[in-house]
Structures are given as C-alpha cells and as structure tokens.
PDB file of all heavy atoms in Angstrom:
ATOM      1  N   ALA A   1       0.849  -1.186  -0.001  1.00  0.00           N
ATOM      2  CA  ALA A   1      -0.030  -0.033  -0.018  1.00  0.00           C
ATOM      3  C   ALA A   1       0.848   1.232  -0.003  1.00  0.00           C
ATOM      4  O   ALA A   1       1.935   1.301   0.628  1.00  0.00           O
ATOM      5  CB  ALA A   1      -0.917   0.003   1.208  1.00  0.00           C
ATOM      6  N   LYS A   2       0.382   2.275  -0.636  1.00  0.00           N
ATOM      7  CA  LYS A   2       1.115   3.522  -0.803  1.00  0.00           C
ATOM      8  C   LYS A   2       0.271   4.691  -0.221  1.00  0.00           C
ATOM      9  O   LYS A   2      -0.940   4.794  -0.486  1.00  0.00           O
ATOM     10  CB  LYS A   2       1.549   3.849  -2.171  1.00  0.00           C
ATOM     11  CG  LYS A   2       2.548   2.894  -2.790  1.00  0.00           C
ATOM     12  CD  LYS A   2       2.928   3.271  -4.200  1.00  0.00           C
ATOM     13  CE  LYS A   2       3.947   2.264  -4.862  1.00  0.00           C
ATOM     14  NZ  LYS A   2       5.198   2.285  -4.134  1.00  0.00           N
ATOM     15  N   ILE A   3       0.918   5.528   0.550  1.00  0.00           N
ATOM     16  CA  ILE A   3       0.199   6.690   1.151  1.00  0.00           C
ATOM     17  C   ILE A   3       0.964   7.914   0.748  1.00  0.00           C
ATOM     18  O   ILE A   3       2.216   8.009   1.014  1.00  0.00           O
ATOM     19  CB  ILE A   3       0.128   6.567   2.638  1.00  0.00           C
ATOM     20  CG1 ILE A   3      -0.582   5.311   3.117  1.00  0.00           C
ATOM     21  CG2 ILE A   3      -0.563   7.842   3.240  1.00  0.00           C
ATOM     22  CD1 ILE A   3      -0.502   5.071   4.591  1.00  0.00           C
ATOM     23  N   ALA A   4       0.340   8.869   0.074  1.00  0.00           N
ATOM     24  CA  ALA A   4       0.948  10.096  -0.277  1.00  0.00           C
ATOM     25  C   ALA A   4       0.833  11.104   0.896  1.00  0.00           C
ATOM     26  O   ALA A   4      -0.262  11.198   1.504  1.00  0.00           O
ATOM     27  CB  ALA A   4       0.243  10.689  -1.538  1.00  0.00           C
ATOM     28  N   PHE A   5       1.880  11.822   1.094  1.00  0.00           N
ATOM     29  CA  PHE A   5       1.899  12.885   2.137  1.00  0.00           C
ATOM     30  C   PHE A   5       1.995  14.249   1.362  1.00  0.00           C
ATOM     31  O   PHE A   5       2.984  14.584   0.777  1.00  0.00           O
ATOM     32  CB  PHE A   5       3.038  12.809   3.092  1.00  0.00           C
ATOM     33  CG  PHE A   5       2.951  11.511   3.928  1.00  0.00           C
ATOM     34  CD1 PHE A   5       4.137  10.906   4.439  1.00  0.00           C
ATOM     35  CD2 PHE A   5       1.762  11.048   4.323  1.00  0.00           C
ATOM     36  CE1 PHE A   5       4.062   9.800   5.186  1.00  0.00           C
ATOM     37  CE2 PHE A   5       1.655   9.860   5.164  1.00  0.00           C
ATOM     38  CZ  PHE A   5       2.831   9.272   5.582  1.00  0.00           C
ATOM     39  N   VAL A   6       0.901  15.019   1.418  1.00  0.00           N
ATOM     40  CA  VAL A   6       0.789  16.235   0.691  1.00  0.00           C
ATOM     41  C   VAL A   6       1.036  17.391   1.630  1.00  0.00           C
ATOM     42  O   VAL A   6       0.405  17.438   2.715  1.00  0.00           O
ATOM     43  CB  VAL A   6      -0.601  16.428  -0.012  1.00  0.00           C
ATOM     44  CG1 VAL A   6      -0.688  17.736  -0.717  1.00  0.00           C
ATOM     45  CG2 VAL A   6      -0.916  15.295  -0.893  1.00  0.00           C
ATOM     46  N   PRO A   7       2.010  18.290   1.398  1.00  0.00           N
ATOM     47  CA  PRO A   7       2.356  19.343   2.360  1.00  0.00           C
ATOM     48  C   PRO A   7       1.111  20.129   2.761  1.00  0.00           C
ATOM     49  O   PRO A   7       0.298  20.581   1.962  1.00  0.00           O
ATOM     50  CB  PRO A   7       3.340  20.199   1.589  1.00  0.00           C
ATOM     51  CG  PRO A   7       4.005  19.253   0.622  1.00  0.00           C
ATOM     52  CD  PRO A   7       2.937  18.329   0.206  1.00  0.00           C
ATOM     53  N   TYR A   8       0.958  20.357   4.077  1.00  0.00           N
ATOM     54  CA  TYR A   8      -0.109  21.146   4.628  1.00  0.00           C
ATOM     55  C   TYR A   8       0.408  22.345   5.365  1.00  0.00           C
ATOM     56  O   TYR A   8       0.097  23.514   4.998  1.00  0.00           O
ATOM     57  CB  TYR A   8      -0.937  20.274   5.580  1.00  0.00           C
ATOM     58  CG  TYR A   8      -2.156  20.945   6.122  1.00  0.00           C
ATOM     59  CD1 TYR A   8      -3.309  21.005   5.372  1.00  0.00           C
ATOM     60  CD2 TYR A   8      -2.099  21.594   7.377  1.00  0.00           C
ATOM     61  CE1 TYR A   8      -4.406  21.675   5.864  1.00  0.00           C
ATOM     62  CE2 TYR A   8      -3.217  22.261   7.837  1.00  0.00           C
ATOM     63  CZ  TYR A   8      -4.422  22.304   7.121  1.00  0.00           C
ATOM     64  OH  TYR A   8      -5.458  22.938   7.565  1.00  0.00           O
ATOM     65  N   ASN A   9       1.241  22.164   6.308  1.00  0.00           N
ATOM     66  CA  ASN A   9       1.818  23.283   7.088  1.00  0.00           C
ATOM     67  C   ASN A   9       3.034  22.861   7.800  1.00  0.00           C
ATOM     68  O   ASN A   9       2.916  21.976   8.736  1.00  0.00           O
ATOM     69  CB  ASN A   9       0.780  23.881   8.018  1.00  0.00           C
ATOM     70  CG  ASN A   9       1.167  25.248   8.524  1.00  0.00           C
ATOM     71  OD1 ASN A   9       2.120  25.870   8.052  1.00  0.00           O
ATOM     72  ND2 ASN A   9       0.442  25.755   9.489  1.00  0.00           N
ATOM     73  N   ASN A  10       4.155  23.388   7.449  1.00  0.00           N
ATOM     74  CA  ASN A  10       5.445  23.060   8.066  1.00  0.00           C
ATOM     75  C   ASN A  10       5.667  21.539   8.020  1.00  0.00           C
ATOM     76  O   ASN A  10       5.816  21.026   6.949  1.00  0.00           O
ATOM     77  CB  ASN A  10       5.440  23.578   9.574  1.00  0.00           C
ATOM     78  CG  ASN A  10       6.848  23.660  10.125  1.00  0.00           C
ATOM     79  OD1 ASN A  10       7.827  23.333   9.476  1.00  0.00           O
ATOM     80  ND2 ASN A  10       6.903  24.158  11.340  1.00  0.00           N
ATOM     81  N   THR A  11       5.737  20.864   9.134  1.00  0.00           N
ATOM     82  CA  THR A  11       6.021  19.389   9.089  1.00  0.00           C
ATOM     83  C   THR A  11       4.759  18.537   9.120  1.00  0.00           C
ATOM     84  O   THR A  11       4.800  17.318   9.348  1.00  0.00           O
ATOM     85  CB  THR A  11       6.917  19.018  10.315  1.00  0.00           C
ATOM     86  OG1 THR A  11       6.206  19.316  11.528  1.00  0.00           O
ATOM     87  CG2 THR A  11       8.228  19.771  10.250  1.00  0.00           C
ATOM     88  N   ILE A  12       3.585  19.148   8.959  1.00  0.00           N
ATOM     89  CA  ILE A  12       2.324  18.440   8.927  1.00  0.00           C
ATOM     90  C   ILE A  12       1.873  18.255   7.476  1.00  0.00           C
ATOM     91  O   ILE A  12       1.978  19.131   6.635  1.00  0.00           O
ATOM     92  CB  ILE A  12       1.225  19.252   9.698  1.00  0.00           C
ATOM     93  CG1 ILE A  12       1.653  19.430  11.122  1.00  0.00           C
ATOM     94  CG2 ILE A  12      -0.149  18.554   9.583  1.00  0.00           C
ATOM     95  CD1 ILE A  12       0.723  20.354  11.947  1.00  0.00           C
ATOM     96  N   PHE A  13       1.433  16.996   7.174  1.00  0.00           N
ATOM     97  CA  PHE A  13       1.107  16.599   5.811  1.00  0.00           C
ATOM     98  C   PHE A  13      -0.289  15.966   5.840  1.00  0.00           C
ATOM     99  O   PHE A  13      -0.676  15.297   6.833  1.00  0.00           O
ATOM    100  CB  PHE A  13       2.136  15.600   5.240  1.00  0.00           C
ATOM    101  CG  PHE A  13       3.481  16.174   5.059  1.00  0.00           C
ATOM    102  CD1 PHE A  13       4.314  16.355   6.123  1.00  0.00           C
ATOM    103  CD2 PHE A  13       3.955  16.455   3.769  1.00  0.00           C
ATOM    104  CE1 PHE A  13       5.624  16.824   5.922  1.00  0.00           C
ATOM    105  CE2 PHE A  13       5.243  16.944   3.549  1.00  0.00           C
ATOM    106  CZ  PHE A  13       6.088  17.151   4.675  1.00  0.00           C
ATOM    107  N   MET A  14      -1.041  16.142   4.729  1.00  0.00           N
ATOM    108  CA  MET A  14      -2.268  15.386   4.618  1.00  0.00           C
ATOM    109  C   MET A  14      -1.920  13.966   4.022  1.00  0.00           C
ATOM    110  O   MET A  14      -1.132  13.860   3.080  1.00  0.00           O
ATOM    111  CB  MET A  14      -3.184  16.129   3.626  1.00  0.00           C
ATOM    112  CG  MET A  14      -3.698  17.460   4.142  1.00  0.00           C
ATOM    113  SD  MET A  14      -4.810  18.247   2.934  1.00  0.00           S
ATOM    114  CE  MET A  14      -3.675  18.773   1.698  1.00  0.00           C
ATOM    115  N   ALA A  15      -2.538  12.958   4.569  1.00  0.00           N
ATOM    116  CA  ALA A  15      -2.226  11.589   4.155  1.00  0.00           C
ATOM    117  C   ALA A  15      -3.347  11.059   3.265  1.00  0.00           C
ATOM    118  O   ALA A  15      -4.539  11.113   3.632  1.00  0.00           O
ATOM    119  CB  ALA A  15      -2.116  10.684   5.393  1.00  0.00           C
ATOM    120  N   ARG A  16      -3.012  10.559   2.092  1.00  0.00           N
ATOM    121  CA  ARG A  16      -3.971  10.105   1.119  1.00  0.00           C
ATOM    122  C   ARG A  16      -3.551   8.737   0.617  1.00  0.00           C
ATOM    123  O   ARG A  16      -2.414   8.498   0.177  1.00  0.00           O
ATOM    124  CB  ARG A  16      -4.054  11.036  -0.044  1.00  0.00           C
ATOM    125  CG  ARG A  16      -4.639  12.393   0.330  1.00  0.00           C
ATOM    126  CD  ARG A  16      -4.591  13.386  -0.831  1.00  0.00           C
ATOM    127  NE  ARG A  16      -5.293  14.603  -0.542  1.00  0.00           N
ATOM    128  CZ  ARG A  16      -6.597  14.835  -0.659  1.00  0.00           C
ATOM    129  NH1 ARG A  16      -7.373  13.846  -1.119  1.00  0.00           N
ATOM    130  NH2 ARG A  16      -7.100  16.026  -0.372  1.00  0.00           N
ATOM    131  N   MET A  17      -4.461   7.716   0.663  1.00  0.00           N
ATOM    132  CA  MET A  17      -4.180   6.415   0.179  1.00  0.00           C
ATOM    133  C   MET A  17      -4.216   6.421  -1.346  1.00  0.00           C
ATOM    134  O   MET A  17      -5.121   6.937  -1.985  1.00  0.00           O
ATOM    135  CB  MET A  17      -5.192   5.430   0.727  1.00  0.00           C
ATOM    136  CG  MET A  17      -4.867   3.950   0.419  1.00  0.00           C
ATOM    137  SD  MET A  17      -5.853   2.802   1.467  1.00  0.00           S
ATOM    138  CE  MET A  17      -7.501   3.424   1.211  1.00  0.00           C
ATOM    139  N   LEU A  18      -3.156   5.820  -1.975  1.00  0.00           N
ATOM    140  CA  LEU A  18      -3.103   5.802  -3.414  1.00  0.00           C
ATOM    141  C   LEU A  18      -3.578   4.459  -4.004  1.00  0.00           C
ATOM    142  O   LEU A  18      -3.628   3.467  -3.274  1.00  0.00           O
ATOM    143  CB  LEU A  18      -1.624   5.986  -3.893  1.00  0.00           C
ATOM    144  CG  LEU A  18      -0.920   7.273  -3.387  1.00  0.00           C
ATOM    145  CD1 LEU A  18       0.449   7.372  -3.938  1.00  0.00           C
ATOM    146  CD2 LEU A  18      -1.710   8.527  -3.774  1.00  0.00           C
ATOM    147  N   VAL A  19      -3.915   4.470  -5.274  1.00  0.00           N
ATOM    148  CA  VAL A  19      -4.446   3.311  -5.908  1.00  0.00           C
ATOM    149  C   VAL A  19      -3.240   2.450  -6.364  1.00  0.00           C
ATOM    150  O   VAL A  19      -2.711   2.606  -7.472  1.00  0.00           O
ATOM    151  CB  VAL A  19      -5.327   3.664  -7.173  1.00  0.00           C
ATOM    152  CG1 VAL A  19      -5.875   2.430  -7.830  1.00  0.00           C
ATOM    153  CG2 VAL A  19      -6.478   4.524  -6.720  1.00  0.00           C
ATOM    154  N   SER A  20      -2.829   1.575  -5.440  1.00  0.00           N
ATOM    155  CA  SER A  20      -1.698   0.690  -5.755  1.00  0.00           C
ATOM    156  C   SER A  20      -1.730  -0.365  -4.651  1.00  0.00           C
ATOM    157  O   SER A  20      -2.440  -0.328  -3.704  1.00  0.00           O
ATOM    158  CB  SER A  20      -0.354   1.442  -5.689  1.00  0.00           C
ATOM    159  OG  SER A  20      -0.120   1.878  -4.370  1.00  0.00           O
ATOM    160  N   GLY A  21      -0.893  -1.442  -4.830  1.00  0.00           N
ATOM    161  CA  GLY A  21      -0.897  -2.502  -3.871  1.00  0.00           C
ATOM    162  C   GLY A  21      -2.290  -3.082  -3.693  1.00  0.00           C
ATOM    163  O   GLY A  21      -2.922  -3.521  -4.668  1.00  0.00           O
ATOM    164  N   PRO A  22      -2.788  -3.061  -2.417  1.00  0.00           N
ATOM    165  CA  PRO A  22      -4.123  -3.671  -2.233  1.00  0.00           C
ATOM    166  C   PRO A  22      -5.251  -2.962  -2.853  1.00  0.00           C
ATOM    167  O   PRO A  22      -6.358  -3.418  -3.002  1.00  0.00           O
ATOM    168  CB  PRO A  22      -4.272  -3.605  -0.685  1.00  0.00           C
ATOM    169  CG  PRO A  22      -3.332  -2.524  -0.226  1.00  0.00           C
ATOM    170  CD  PRO A  22      -2.185  -2.594  -1.226  1.00  0.00           C
ATOM    171  N   MET A  23      -4.946  -1.709  -3.320  1.00  0.00           N
ATOM    172  CA  MET A  23      -5.989  -0.931  -4.025  1.00  0.00           C
ATOM    173  C   MET A  23      -5.899  -1.087  -5.558  1.00  0.00           C
ATOM    174  O   MET A  23      -6.639  -0.445  -6.297  1.00  0.00           O
ATOM    175  CB  MET A  23      -5.859   0.522  -3.658  1.00  0.00           C
ATOM    176  CG  MET A  23      -6.178   0.799  -2.247  1.00  0.00           C
ATOM    177  SD  MET A  23      -7.911   0.627  -1.877  1.00  0.00           S
ATOM    178  CE  MET A  23      -8.583   2.102  -2.612  1.00  0.00           C
ATOM    179  N   ASN A  24      -4.999  -1.942  -6.090  1.00  0.00           N
ATOM    180  CA  ASN A  24      -4.897  -2.151  -7.512  1.00  0.00           C
ATOM    181  C   ASN A  24      -6.242  -2.540  -8.079  1.00  0.00           C
ATOM    182  O   ASN A  24      -6.909  -3.448  -7.535  1.00  0.00           O
ATOM    183  CB  ASN A  24      -3.858  -3.194  -7.798  1.00  0.00           C
ATOM    184  CG  ASN A  24      -2.458  -2.654  -7.848  1.00  0.00           C
ATOM    185  OD1 ASN A  24      -2.228  -1.410  -8.086  1.00  0.00           O
ATOM    186  ND2 ASN A  24      -1.398  -3.446  -7.628  1.00  0.00           N
ATOM    187  N   GLY A  25      -6.598  -2.019  -9.218  1.00  0.00           N
ATOM    188  CA  GLY A  25      -7.838  -2.387  -9.840  1.00  0.00           C
ATOM    189  C   GLY A  25      -9.038  -1.597  -9.352  1.00  0.00           C
ATOM    190  O   GLY A  25     -10.143  -1.721  -9.869  1.00  0.00           O
ATOM    191  N   VAL A  26      -8.842  -0.769  -8.315  1.00  0.00           N
ATOM    192  CA  VAL A  26      -9.969   0.042  -7.810  1.00  0.00           C
ATOM    193  C   VAL A  26      -9.990   1.315  -8.689  1.00  0.00           C
ATOM    194  O   VAL A  26      -9.071   2.067  -8.771  1.00  0.00           O
ATOM    195  CB  VAL A  26      -9.723   0.501  -6.324  1.00  0.00           C
ATOM    196  CG1 VAL A  26     -10.866   1.360  -5.913  1.00  0.00           C
ATOM    197  CG2 VAL A  26      -9.710  -0.803  -5.492  1.00  0.00           C
ATOM    198  N   GLU A  27     -11.100   1.425  -9.372  1.00  0.00           N
ATOM    199  CA  GLU A  27     -11.196   2.617 -10.257  1.00  0.00           C
ATOM    200  C   GLU A  27     -11.800   3.818  -9.513  1.00  0.00           C
ATOM    201  O   GLU A  27     -12.905   3.838  -9.074  1.00  0.00           O
ATOM    202  CB  GLU A  27     -12.209   2.266 -11.417  1.00  0.00           C
ATOM    203  CG  GLU A  27     -11.767   1.162 -12.315  1.00  0.00           C
ATOM    204  CD  GLU A  27     -12.723   0.778 -13.399  1.00  0.00           C
ATOM    205  OE1 GLU A  27     -13.752   1.522 -13.474  1.00  0.00           O
ATOM    206  OE2 GLU A  27     -12.509  -0.176 -14.101  1.00  0.00           O
ATOM    207  N   THR A  28     -10.882   4.732  -9.227  1.00  0.00           N
ATOM    208  CA  THR A  28     -11.327   5.922  -8.512  1.00  0.00           C
ATOM    209  C   THR A  28     -10.559   7.124  -9.056  1.00  0.00           C
ATOM    210  O   THR A  28      -9.390   7.035  -9.420  1.00  0.00           O
ATOM    211  CB  THR A  28     -11.085   5.783  -6.994  1.00  0.00           C
ATOM    212  OG1 THR A  28     -11.460   7.021  -6.366  1.00  0.00           O
ATOM    213  CG2 THR A  28      -9.604   5.561  -6.675  1.00  0.00           C
ATOM    214  N   ALA A  29     -11.273   8.213  -9.151  1.00  0.00           N
ATOM    215  CA  ALA A  29     -10.659   9.411  -9.704  1.00  0.00           C
ATOM    216  C   ALA A  29      -9.814  10.153  -8.663  1.00  0.00           C
ATOM    217  O   ALA A  29      -9.005  10.941  -8.998  1.00  0.00           O
ATOM    218  CB  ALA A  29     -11.766  10.319 -10.189  1.00  0.00           C
ATOM    219  N   ASP A  30      -9.927   9.755  -7.421  1.00  0.00           N
ATOM    220  CA  ASP A  30      -9.289  10.515  -6.353  1.00  0.00           C
ATOM    221  C   ASP A  30      -8.423   9.628  -5.499  1.00  0.00           C
ATOM    222  O   ASP A  30      -8.703   8.472  -5.352  1.00  0.00           O
ATOM    223  CB  ASP A  30     -10.299  11.200  -5.453  1.00  0.00           C
ATOM    224  CG  ASP A  30     -11.130  12.281  -6.188  1.00  0.00           C
ATOM    225  OD1 ASP A  30     -10.545  12.944  -7.068  1.00  0.00           O
ATOM    226  OD2 ASP A  30     -12.280  12.430  -5.832  1.00  0.00           O
ATOM    227  N   GLU A  31      -7.399  10.209  -4.940  1.00  0.00           N
ATOM    228  CA  GLU A  31      -6.679   9.619  -3.855  1.00  0.00           C
ATOM    229  C   GLU A  31      -7.598   9.747  -2.640  1.00  0.00           C
ATOM    230  O   GLU A  31      -8.336  10.628  -2.519  1.00  0.00           O
ATOM    231  CB  GLU A  31      -5.334  10.332  -3.604  1.00  0.00           C
ATOM    232  CG  GLU A  31      -4.447  10.291  -4.866  1.00  0.00           C
ATOM    233  CD  GLU A  31      -3.364  11.347  -4.787  1.00  0.00           C
ATOM    234  OE1 GLU A  31      -3.324  12.163  -3.845  1.00  0.00           O
ATOM    235  OE2 GLU A  31      -2.505  11.339  -5.700  1.00  0.00           O
ATOM    236  N   ILE A  32      -7.561   8.709  -1.695  1.00  0.00           N
ATOM    237  CA  ILE A  32      -8.532   8.649  -0.664  1.00  0.00           C
ATOM    238  C   ILE A  32      -7.940   9.229   0.636  1.00  0.00           C
ATOM    239  O   ILE A  32      -6.976   8.634   1.168  1.00  0.00           O
ATOM    240  CB  ILE A  32      -8.974   7.172  -0.479  1.00  0.00           C
ATOM    241  CG1 ILE A  32      -9.587   6.666  -1.783  1.00  0.00           C
ATOM    242  CG2 ILE A  32      -9.980   7.079   0.655  1.00  0.00           C
ATOM    243  CD1 ILE A  32      -9.950   5.226  -1.793  1.00  0.00           C
ATOM    244  N   PRO A  33      -8.507  10.249   1.196  1.00  0.00           N
ATOM    245  CA  PRO A  33      -7.962  10.858   2.427  1.00  0.00           C
ATOM    246  C   PRO A  33      -8.136   9.840   3.596  1.00  0.00           C
ATOM    247  O   PRO A  33      -9.167   9.213   3.737  1.00  0.00           O
ATOM    248  CB  PRO A  33      -8.870  12.040   2.706  1.00  0.00           C
ATOM    249  CG  PRO A  33      -9.571  12.355   1.398  1.00  0.00           C
ATOM    250  CD  PRO A  33      -9.645  11.001   0.727  1.00  0.00           C
ATOM    251  N   ILE A  34      -7.060   9.655   4.333  1.00  0.00           N
ATOM    252  CA  ILE A  34      -7.120   8.769   5.521  1.00  0.00           C
ATOM    253  C   ILE A  34      -6.753   9.479   6.828  1.00  0.00           C
ATOM    254  O   ILE A  34      -6.885   8.899   7.861  1.00  0.00           O
ATOM    255  CB  ILE A  34      -6.294   7.506   5.349  1.00  0.00           C
ATOM    256  CG1 ILE A  34      -4.845   7.775   5.238  1.00  0.00           C
ATOM    257  CG2 ILE A  34      -6.799   6.619   4.154  1.00  0.00           C
ATOM    258  CD1 ILE A  34      -3.939   6.563   5.278  1.00  0.00           C
ATOM    259  N   GLY A  35      -6.215  10.678   6.737  1.00  0.00           N
ATOM    260  CA  GLY A  35      -5.817  11.342   7.950  1.00  0.00           C
ATOM    261  C   GLY A  35      -4.706  12.366   7.714  1.00  0.00           C
ATOM    262  O   GLY A  35      -4.616  12.973   6.712  1.00  0.00           O
ATOM    263  N   MET A  36      -3.870  12.551   8.785  1.00  0.00           N
ATOM    264  CA  MET A  36      -2.768  13.515   8.696  1.00  0.00           C
ATOM    265  C   MET A  36      -1.501  12.815   9.238  1.00  0.00           C
ATOM    266  O   MET A  36      -1.543  11.846   9.964  1.00  0.00           O
ATOM    267  CB  MET A  36      -3.108  14.734   9.558  1.00  0.00           C
ATOM    268  CG  MET A  36      -4.406  15.432   9.190  1.00  0.00           C
ATOM    269  SD  MET A  36      -4.438  16.173   7.448  1.00  0.00           S
ATOM    270  CE  MET A  36      -3.331  17.560   7.749  1.00  0.00           C
ATOM    271  N   SER A  37      -0.424  13.435   8.860  1.00  0.00           N
ATOM    272  CA  SER A  37       0.878  12.914   9.416  1.00  0.00           C
ATOM    273  C   SER A  37       1.733  14.116   9.857  1.00  0.00           C
ATOM    274  O   SER A  37       1.546  15.214   9.379  1.00  0.00           O
ATOM    275  CB  SER A  37       1.647  12.091   8.339  1.00  0.00           C
ATOM    276  OG  SER A  37       2.035  12.947   7.240  1.00  0.00           O
ATOM    277  N   GLN A  38       2.689  13.847  10.718  1.00  0.00           N
ATOM    278  CA  GLN A  38       3.600  14.876  11.217  1.00  0.00           C
ATOM    279  C   GLN A  38       4.939  14.239  11.469  1.00  0.00           C
ATOM    280  O   GLN A  38       5.030  13.191  12.055  1.00  0.00           O
ATOM    281  CB  GLN A  38       3.042  15.572  12.443  1.00  0.00           C
ATOM    282  CG  GLN A  38       3.908  16.709  12.941  1.00  0.00           C
ATOM    283  CD  GLN A  38       3.360  17.417  14.160  1.00  0.00           C
ATOM    284  OE1 GLN A  38       2.418  16.940  14.815  1.00  0.00           O
ATOM    285  NE2 GLN A  38       3.784  18.619  14.465  1.00  0.00           N
TER     286      GLN A  38
END
C-alpha cells in the first residue's frame, strides 16, 4: 500500500491512500484521504 503525504503546514502533511498494492484495480478518480501525518 502507498500513502501520499501532501504538504499542509510546516512538518504536517495530509495523508492520502493511493491506488496501488491492495488498491490495485480500484477505479477511482481521487486519492482517498485517511488522515494527517507529522
């Protein structure tokens, strides 16, 4: 599984699950928000 960390503020990032690994074959237009990281 892959999680993208998109810059939010300083060392805080938005975490989004990507369509890969266990999500392979899932047709979705968006990365799926799952939380935040720091």
